[in-house]
Amino acid sequence: MIVGLVSGSTDAFAVDALAVHVAEGLRVARIRTSEKTAALAQRFGVPLTGFAKHRRIGIAIDGADKAADGTFDLVKGLGAALLREKIVTSAGDRKSVVVDETKLAACLGGNTPLSAEIVSLGFPTPLNPTSRR
């Protein structure tokens, strides 16, 4: 099975649990989203792979920076790997989000910043009339 594990504080929990199953004979490979997650996978003996070899992921396991208690509302992207995480999770046949109690909030907003990612790919384009050529 190909597993997409994204970066973040809960990543260590997921890799640790996965490493137990790998030691028991589970055959998986992981697609990394950062150098930190690659080093973590290597430390626990979880082999790495990439999209050049595998176009689809069996399950994408992600974390959230904040989660509204009792809902599926999440804040993502405070760890600066948001675009890579989106690519990995979009390739997953199944998706799972892992949070611990420190990530739960009564409601989203407040003291948690909301991230915005600006990607220059496609700018300027004919679909963006304000772009300079």
N, C-alpha and C. Protein backbone atom coordinates (compact mmCIF):
# COMPACT_ATOMS: atom_id res chain seq x y z
N MET A 1 0.85 -1.18 0.00
CA MET A 1 0.00 0.00 0.00
C MET A 1 0.89 1.23 0.00
N ILE A 2 0.47 2.24 -0.74
CA ILE A 2 1.17 3.52 -0.74
C ILE A 2 0.43 4.44 0.23
N VAL A 3 1.20 5.03 1.15
CA VAL A 3 0.63 5.90 2.18
C VAL A 3 1.20 7.29 1.99
N GLY A 4 0.34 8.27 1.97
CA GLY A 4 0.77 9.66 1.96
C GLY A 4 0.66 10.20 3.37
N LEU A 5 1.80 10.42 4.01
CA LEU A 5 1.81 11.00 5.35
C LEU A 5 2.39 12.40 5.24
N VAL A 6 1.63 13.36 5.66
CA VAL A 6 2.07 14.73 5.49
C VAL A 6 2.79 15.21 6.73
N SER A 7 3.43 16.35 6.62
CA SER A 7 4.24 16.88 7.71
C SER A 7 3.38 17.51 8.78
N GLY A 8 3.95 17.62 9.96
CA GLY A 8 3.25 18.25 11.06
C GLY A 8 3.50 17.54 12.37
N SER A 9 2.98 18.10 13.45
CA SER A 9 3.25 17.54 14.77
C SER A 9 2.60 16.17 14.97
N THR A 10 1.48 15.91 14.33
CA THR A 10 0.83 14.60 14.49
C THR A 10 1.44 13.55 13.57
N ASP A 11 2.30 13.96 12.66
CA ASP A 11 2.95 13.03 11.75
C ASP A 11 3.73 11.98 12.50
N ALA A 12 4.41 12.37 13.57
CA ALA A 12 5.21 11.42 14.35
C ALA A 12 4.33 10.31 14.91
N PHE A 13 3.12 10.63 15.34
CA PHE A 13 2.19 9.61 15.86
C PHE A 13 1.85 8.60 14.76
N ALA A 14 1.55 9.11 13.57
CA ALA A 14 1.16 8.23 12.47
C ALA A 14 2.32 7.37 12.01
N VAL A 15 3.52 7.94 11.91
CA VAL A 15 4.68 7.16 11.48
C VAL A 15 5.03 6.11 12.53
N ASP A 16 4.95 6.47 13.79
CA ASP A 16 5.23 5.53 14.88
C ASP A 16 4.29 4.33 14.81
N ALA A 17 3.00 4.60 14.62
CA ALA A 17 2.02 3.51 14.52
C ALA A 17 2.25 2.68 13.27
N LEU A 18 2.58 3.33 12.17
CA LEU A 18 2.84 2.62 10.92
C LEU A 18 4.10 1.76 11.04
N ALA A 19 5.12 2.26 11.71
CA ALA A 19 6.37 1.52 11.86
C ALA A 19 6.16 0.20 12.59
N VAL A 20 5.25 0.16 13.54
CA VAL A 20 4.94 -1.09 14.25
C VAL A 20 4.43 -2.13 13.26
N HIS A 21 3.54 -1.73 12.38
CA HIS A 21 2.99 -2.65 11.39
C HIS A 21 4.02 -3.04 10.33
N VAL A 22 4.92 -2.12 9.97
CA VAL A 22 5.98 -2.43 9.03
C VAL A 22 6.90 -3.49 9.64
N ALA A 23 7.21 -3.35 10.93
CA ALA A 23 8.05 -4.34 11.62
C ALA A 23 7.38 -5.71 11.67
N GLU A 24 6.04 -5.73 11.62
CA GLU A 24 5.30 -6.99 11.64
C GLU A 24 5.11 -7.57 10.23
N GLY A 25 5.65 -6.89 9.22
CA GLY A 25 5.59 -7.41 7.86
C GLY A 25 4.70 -6.65 6.89
N LEU A 26 4.02 -5.61 7.33
CA LEU A 26 3.20 -4.81 6.41
C LEU A 26 4.10 -4.17 5.37
N ARG A 27 3.71 -4.30 4.10
CA ARG A 27 4.48 -3.71 3.02
C ARG A 27 3.83 -2.40 2.60
N VAL A 28 4.48 -1.31 2.91
CA VAL A 28 4.00 0.02 2.53
C VAL A 28 5.17 0.84 2.02
N ALA A 29 4.85 1.90 1.33
CA ALA A 29 5.83 2.91 0.96
C ALA A 29 5.16 4.25 1.20
N ARG A 30 5.94 5.22 1.53
CA ARG A 30 5.42 6.52 1.92
C ARG A 30 5.89 7.59 0.95
N ILE A 31 5.00 8.51 0.62
CA ILE A 31 5.37 9.69 -0.16
C ILE A 31 5.58 10.83 0.82
N ARG A 32 6.71 11.47 0.72
CA ARG A 32 7.06 12.51 1.69
C ARG A 32 6.56 13.88 1.25
N THR A 33 6.39 14.76 2.22
CA THR A 33 6.03 16.14 1.91
C THR A 33 7.12 17.12 2.36
N SER A 34 8.12 16.63 3.08
CA SER A 34 9.21 17.50 3.51
C SER A 34 10.43 16.66 3.87
N GLU A 35 11.56 17.31 4.04
CA GLU A 35 12.77 16.61 4.47
C GLU A 35 12.59 16.05 5.88
N LYS A 36 11.86 16.76 6.71
CA LYS A 36 11.62 16.30 8.09
C LYS A 36 10.85 14.98 8.08
N THR A 37 9.81 14.90 7.26
CA THR A 37 9.03 13.66 7.21
C THR A 37 9.82 12.54 6.58
N ALA A 38 10.71 12.84 5.64
CA ALA A 38 11.56 11.81 5.04
C ALA A 38 12.50 11.24 6.08
N ALA A 39 13.11 12.09 6.89
CA ALA A 39 14.02 11.63 7.94
C ALA A 39 13.28 10.80 8.98
N LEU A 40 12.07 11.21 9.31
CA LEU A 40 11.26 10.46 10.28
C LEU A 40 10.92 9.07 9.75
N ALA A 41 10.53 8.99 8.49
CA ALA A 41 10.21 7.70 7.88
C ALA A 41 11.44 6.81 7.85
N GLN A 42 12.58 7.37 7.51
CA GLN A 42 13.82 6.59 7.46
C GLN A 42 14.17 6.07 8.85
N ARG A 43 14.01 6.90 9.86
CA ARG A 43 14.33 6.50 11.23
C ARG A 43 13.49 5.31 11.68
N PHE A 44 12.23 5.27 11.24
CA PHE A 44 11.33 4.21 11.64
C PHE A 44 11.28 3.05 10.65
N GLY A 45 12.09 3.11 9.59
CA GLY A 45 12.16 2.01 8.64
C GLY A 45 11.00 1.96 7.65
N VAL A 46 10.34 3.08 7.43
CA VAL A 46 9.24 3.14 6.46
C VAL A 46 9.83 3.60 5.13
N PRO A 47 9.81 2.76 4.09
CA PRO A 47 10.42 3.13 2.81
C PRO A 47 9.70 4.30 2.14
N LEU A 48 10.47 5.08 1.37
CA LEU A 48 9.93 6.24 0.66
C LEU A 48 9.76 5.93 -0.81
N THR A 49 8.82 6.60 -1.43
CA THR A 49 8.59 6.49 -2.86
C THR A 49 8.15 7.86 -3.37
N GLY A 50 7.73 7.94 -4.61
CA GLY A 50 7.31 9.23 -5.16
C GLY A 50 6.25 9.04 -6.24
N PHE A 51 5.75 10.16 -6.74
CA PHE A 51 4.70 10.13 -7.75
C PHE A 51 5.20 9.63 -9.10
N ALA A 52 6.50 9.66 -9.35
CA ALA A 52 7.02 9.13 -10.60
C ALA A 52 6.77 7.63 -10.70
N LYS A 53 6.75 6.96 -9.56
CA LYS A 53 6.52 5.52 -9.51
C LYS A 53 5.07 5.17 -9.20
N HIS A 54 4.42 5.96 -8.39
CA HIS A 54 3.04 5.68 -7.95
C HIS A 54 2.18 6.93 -8.15
N ARG A 55 1.19 6.84 -9.00
CA ARG A 55 0.31 7.98 -9.28
C ARG A 55 -0.80 8.14 -8.25
N ARG A 56 -1.20 7.04 -7.64
CA ARG A 56 -2.29 7.07 -6.66
C ARG A 56 -1.76 6.63 -5.30
N ILE A 57 -2.43 7.09 -4.26
CA ILE A 57 -2.08 6.74 -2.88
C ILE A 57 -3.26 6.01 -2.28
N GLY A 58 -3.00 4.90 -1.60
CA GLY A 58 -4.08 4.14 -0.97
C GLY A 58 -4.79 4.95 0.10
N ILE A 59 -4.01 5.58 0.98
CA ILE A 59 -4.60 6.43 2.02
C ILE A 59 -3.66 7.60 2.27
N ALA A 60 -4.23 8.77 2.38
CA ALA A 60 -3.49 9.97 2.73
C ALA A 60 -3.85 10.34 4.16
N ILE A 61 -2.83 10.41 5.01
CA ILE A 61 -3.05 10.75 6.42
C ILE A 61 -2.49 12.14 6.65
N ASP A 62 -3.34 13.02 7.10
CA ASP A 62 -3.00 14.43 7.25
C ASP A 62 -3.27 14.86 8.68
N GLY A 63 -2.76 15.99 9.05
CA GLY A 63 -3.04 16.60 10.33
C GLY A 63 -3.72 17.93 10.11
N ALA A 64 -4.17 18.55 11.17
CA ALA A 64 -4.78 19.87 11.09
C ALA A 64 -4.16 20.75 12.17
N ASP A 65 -4.09 22.04 11.90
CA ASP A 65 -3.54 22.97 12.88
C ASP A 65 -4.57 23.29 13.96
N LYS A 66 -5.83 23.33 13.57
CA LYS A 66 -6.94 23.49 14.51
C LYS A 66 -8.13 22.73 13.97
N ALA A 67 -8.95 22.22 14.85
CA ALA A 67 -10.17 21.51 14.47
C ALA A 67 -11.29 21.95 15.40
N ALA A 68 -12.43 22.31 14.82
CA ALA A 68 -13.59 22.70 15.63
C ALA A 68 -14.17 21.45 16.27
N ASP A 69 -14.26 21.46 17.57
CA ASP A 69 -14.73 20.31 18.34
C ASP A 69 -16.14 19.93 17.90
N GLY A 70 -16.32 18.65 17.55
CA GLY A 70 -17.64 18.16 17.17
C GLY A 70 -18.00 18.36 15.71
N THR A 71 -17.08 18.92 14.91
CA THR A 71 -17.35 19.12 13.48
C THR A 71 -16.15 18.61 12.68
N PHE A 72 -16.24 18.73 11.39
CA PHE A 72 -15.11 18.41 10.53
C PHE A 72 -14.48 19.68 9.97
N ASP A 73 -14.69 20.81 10.61
CA ASP A 73 -14.09 22.07 10.18
C ASP A 73 -12.65 22.13 10.67
N LEU A 74 -11.72 22.45 9.75
CA LEU A 74 -10.29 22.43 10.05
C LEU A 74 -9.60 23.69 9.57
N VAL A 75 -8.49 24.02 10.22
CA VAL A 75 -7.56 25.03 9.73
C VAL A 75 -6.29 24.28 9.38
N LYS A 76 -5.78 24.52 8.17
CA LYS A 76 -4.57 23.87 7.69
C LYS A 76 -3.59 24.92 7.19
N GLY A 77 -2.33 24.55 7.11
CA GLY A 77 -1.35 25.36 6.41
C GLY A 77 -0.45 26.22 7.26
N LEU A 78 -0.44 26.07 8.56
CA LEU A 78 0.44 26.90 9.38
C LEU A 78 1.87 26.40 9.37
N GLY A 79 2.10 25.19 8.88
CA GLY A 79 3.44 24.61 8.87
C GLY A 79 4.21 24.81 7.58
N ALA A 80 3.68 25.55 6.64
CA ALA A 80 4.37 25.93 5.40
C ALA A 80 4.53 24.81 4.39
N ALA A 81 3.78 23.73 4.51
CA ALA A 81 3.85 22.65 3.52
C ALA A 81 2.48 22.43 2.89
N LEU A 82 1.64 23.45 2.91
CA LEU A 82 0.25 23.31 2.49
C LEU A 82 0.11 22.81 1.05
N LEU A 83 0.84 23.37 0.12
CA LEU A 83 0.72 22.96 -1.28
C LEU A 83 1.11 21.49 -1.45
N ARG A 84 2.24 21.09 -0.88
CA ARG A 84 2.65 19.68 -0.96
C ARG A 84 1.61 18.77 -0.31
N GLU A 85 1.08 19.19 0.82
CA GLU A 85 0.06 18.39 1.50
C GLU A 85 -1.19 18.25 0.64
N LYS A 86 -1.59 19.32 -0.03
CA LYS A 86 -2.76 19.26 -0.92
C LYS A 86 -2.53 18.28 -2.06
N ILE A 87 -1.34 18.29 -2.63
CA ILE A 87 -1.03 17.38 -3.73
C ILE A 87 -1.11 15.93 -3.26
N VAL A 88 -0.51 15.64 -2.12
CA VAL A 88 -0.52 14.28 -1.59
C VAL A 88 -1.93 13.84 -1.24
N THR A 89 -2.69 14.67 -0.54
CA THR A 89 -4.04 14.24 -0.14
C THR A 89 -4.98 14.13 -1.34
N SER A 90 -4.78 14.95 -2.36
CA SER A 90 -5.66 14.85 -3.53
C SER A 90 -5.43 13.55 -4.30
N ALA A 91 -4.26 12.93 -4.15
CA ALA A 91 -3.97 11.67 -4.82
C ALA A 91 -4.43 10.46 -4.01
N GLY A 92 -4.96 10.69 -2.82
CA GLY A 92 -5.37 9.59 -1.96
C GLY A 92 -6.75 9.05 -2.29
N ASP A 93 -6.84 7.71 -2.36
CA ASP A 93 -8.15 7.09 -2.55
C ASP A 93 -9.00 7.25 -1.28
N ARG A 94 -8.33 7.22 -0.14
CA ARG A 94 -8.99 7.48 1.15
C ARG A 94 -8.19 8.54 1.87
N LYS A 95 -8.86 9.30 2.71
CA LYS A 95 -8.20 10.37 3.45
C LYS A 95 -8.56 10.28 4.92
N SER A 96 -7.59 10.58 5.76
CA SER A 96 -7.80 10.58 7.20
C SER A 96 -7.09 11.79 7.78
N VAL A 97 -7.73 12.44 8.75
CA VAL A 97 -7.12 13.58 9.42
C VAL A 97 -6.93 13.20 10.89
N VAL A 98 -5.70 13.41 11.37
CA VAL A 98 -5.35 13.08 12.74
C VAL A 98 -5.13 14.38 13.51
N VAL A 99 -5.80 14.50 14.64
CA VAL A 99 -5.56 15.63 15.54
C VAL A 99 -5.50 15.10 16.96
N ASP A 100 -4.77 15.79 17.80
CA ASP A 100 -4.77 15.46 19.22
C ASP A 100 -5.54 16.55 19.96
N GLU A 101 -5.66 16.38 21.26
CA GLU A 101 -6.51 17.30 22.04
C GLU A 101 -6.01 18.74 22.02
N THR A 102 -4.71 18.96 21.73
CA THR A 102 -4.20 20.32 21.69
C THR A 102 -4.69 21.09 20.46
N LYS A 103 -5.21 20.39 19.47
CA LYS A 103 -5.68 21.03 18.24
C LYS A 103 -7.17 21.37 18.27
N LEU A 104 -7.90 20.88 19.27
CA LEU A 104 -9.34 21.10 19.33
C LEU A 104 -9.66 22.49 19.87
N ALA A 105 -10.67 23.11 19.29
CA ALA A 105 -11.13 24.43 19.71
C ALA A 105 -12.65 24.45 19.65
N ALA A 106 -13.26 25.28 20.48
CA ALA A 106 -14.72 25.40 20.47
C ALA A 106 -15.20 25.92 19.13
N CYS A 107 -14.45 26.85 18.54
CA CYS A 107 -14.75 27.35 17.20
C CYS A 107 -13.45 27.80 16.56
N LEU A 108 -13.45 27.89 15.25
CA LEU A 108 -12.24 28.29 14.53
C LEU A 108 -12.16 29.81 14.46
N GLY A 109 -10.96 30.30 14.33
CA GLY A 109 -10.74 31.74 14.30
C GLY A 109 -10.08 32.16 15.60
N GLY A 110 -10.42 33.32 16.08
CA GLY A 110 -9.83 33.77 17.35
C GLY A 110 -8.34 34.01 17.20
N ASN A 111 -7.55 33.30 17.98
CA ASN A 111 -6.10 33.49 17.98
C ASN A 111 -5.36 32.66 16.94
N THR A 112 -6.06 31.84 16.17
CA THR A 112 -5.42 31.03 15.15
C THR A 112 -5.41 31.78 13.83
N PRO A 113 -4.22 32.07 13.30
CA PRO A 113 -4.18 32.76 12.01
C PRO A 113 -4.68 31.85 10.90
N LEU A 114 -5.22 32.44 9.86
CA LEU A 114 -5.62 31.69 8.68
C LEU A 114 -4.55 31.88 7.63
N SER A 115 -4.12 30.79 7.03
CA SER A 115 -3.03 30.87 6.07
C SER A 115 -3.56 31.14 4.68
N ALA A 116 -2.73 31.79 3.89
CA ALA A 116 -3.01 32.02 2.48
C ALA A 116 -1.73 31.68 1.73
N GLU A 117 -1.87 30.91 0.68
CA GLU A 117 -0.70 30.52 -0.09
C GLU A 117 -0.84 31.12 -1.49
N ILE A 118 0.21 31.79 -1.93
CA ILE A 118 0.22 32.40 -3.24
C ILE A 118 1.22 31.64 -4.09
N VAL A 119 0.75 31.08 -5.18
CA VAL A 119 1.59 30.29 -6.07
C VAL A 119 1.64 31.01 -7.41
N SER A 120 2.85 31.25 -7.89
CA SER A 120 3.00 32.02 -9.11
C SER A 120 2.64 31.24 -10.37
N LEU A 121 2.48 29.92 -10.27
CA LEU A 121 2.09 29.12 -11.41
C LEU A 121 0.76 29.64 -11.97
N GLY A 122 0.74 29.95 -13.23
CA GLY A 122 -0.50 30.43 -13.85
C GLY A 122 -0.73 31.91 -13.72
N PHE A 123 0.23 32.66 -13.20
CA PHE A 123 0.08 34.10 -13.10
C PHE A 123 1.20 34.74 -13.88
N PRO A 124 1.01 35.50 -14.84
CA PRO A 124 -0.26 35.94 -15.40
C PRO A 124 -0.86 34.92 -16.37
N THR A 125 -2.15 34.93 -16.45
CA THR A 125 -2.87 34.06 -17.38
C THR A 125 -3.96 34.86 -18.07
N PRO A 126 -4.47 34.33 -19.19
CA PRO A 126 -5.59 35.02 -19.85
C PRO A 126 -6.84 35.08 -18.97
N LEU A 127 -6.92 34.17 -17.97
CA LEU A 127 -8.09 34.17 -17.09
C LEU A 127 -8.00 35.23 -16.00
N ASN A 128 -6.83 35.83 -15.87
CA ASN A 128 -6.63 36.88 -14.87
C ASN A 128 -6.47 38.21 -15.57
N PRO A 129 -7.56 38.95 -15.75
CA PRO A 129 -7.50 40.20 -16.54
C PRO A 129 -6.64 41.28 -15.92
N THR A 130 -6.32 41.20 -14.65
CA THR A 130 -5.53 42.22 -14.01
C THR A 130 -4.03 41.94 -14.11
N SER A 131 -3.67 40.79 -14.69
CA SER A 131 -2.25 40.45 -14.77
C SER A 131 -1.54 41.28 -15.83
N ARG A 132 -0.27 41.51 -15.59
CA ARG A 132 0.55 42.25 -16.57
C ARG A 132 1.19 41.26 -17.52
N ARG A 133 1.35 41.68 -18.75
CA ARG A 133 1.99 40.80 -19.75
C ARG A 133 3.30 41.34 -20.17
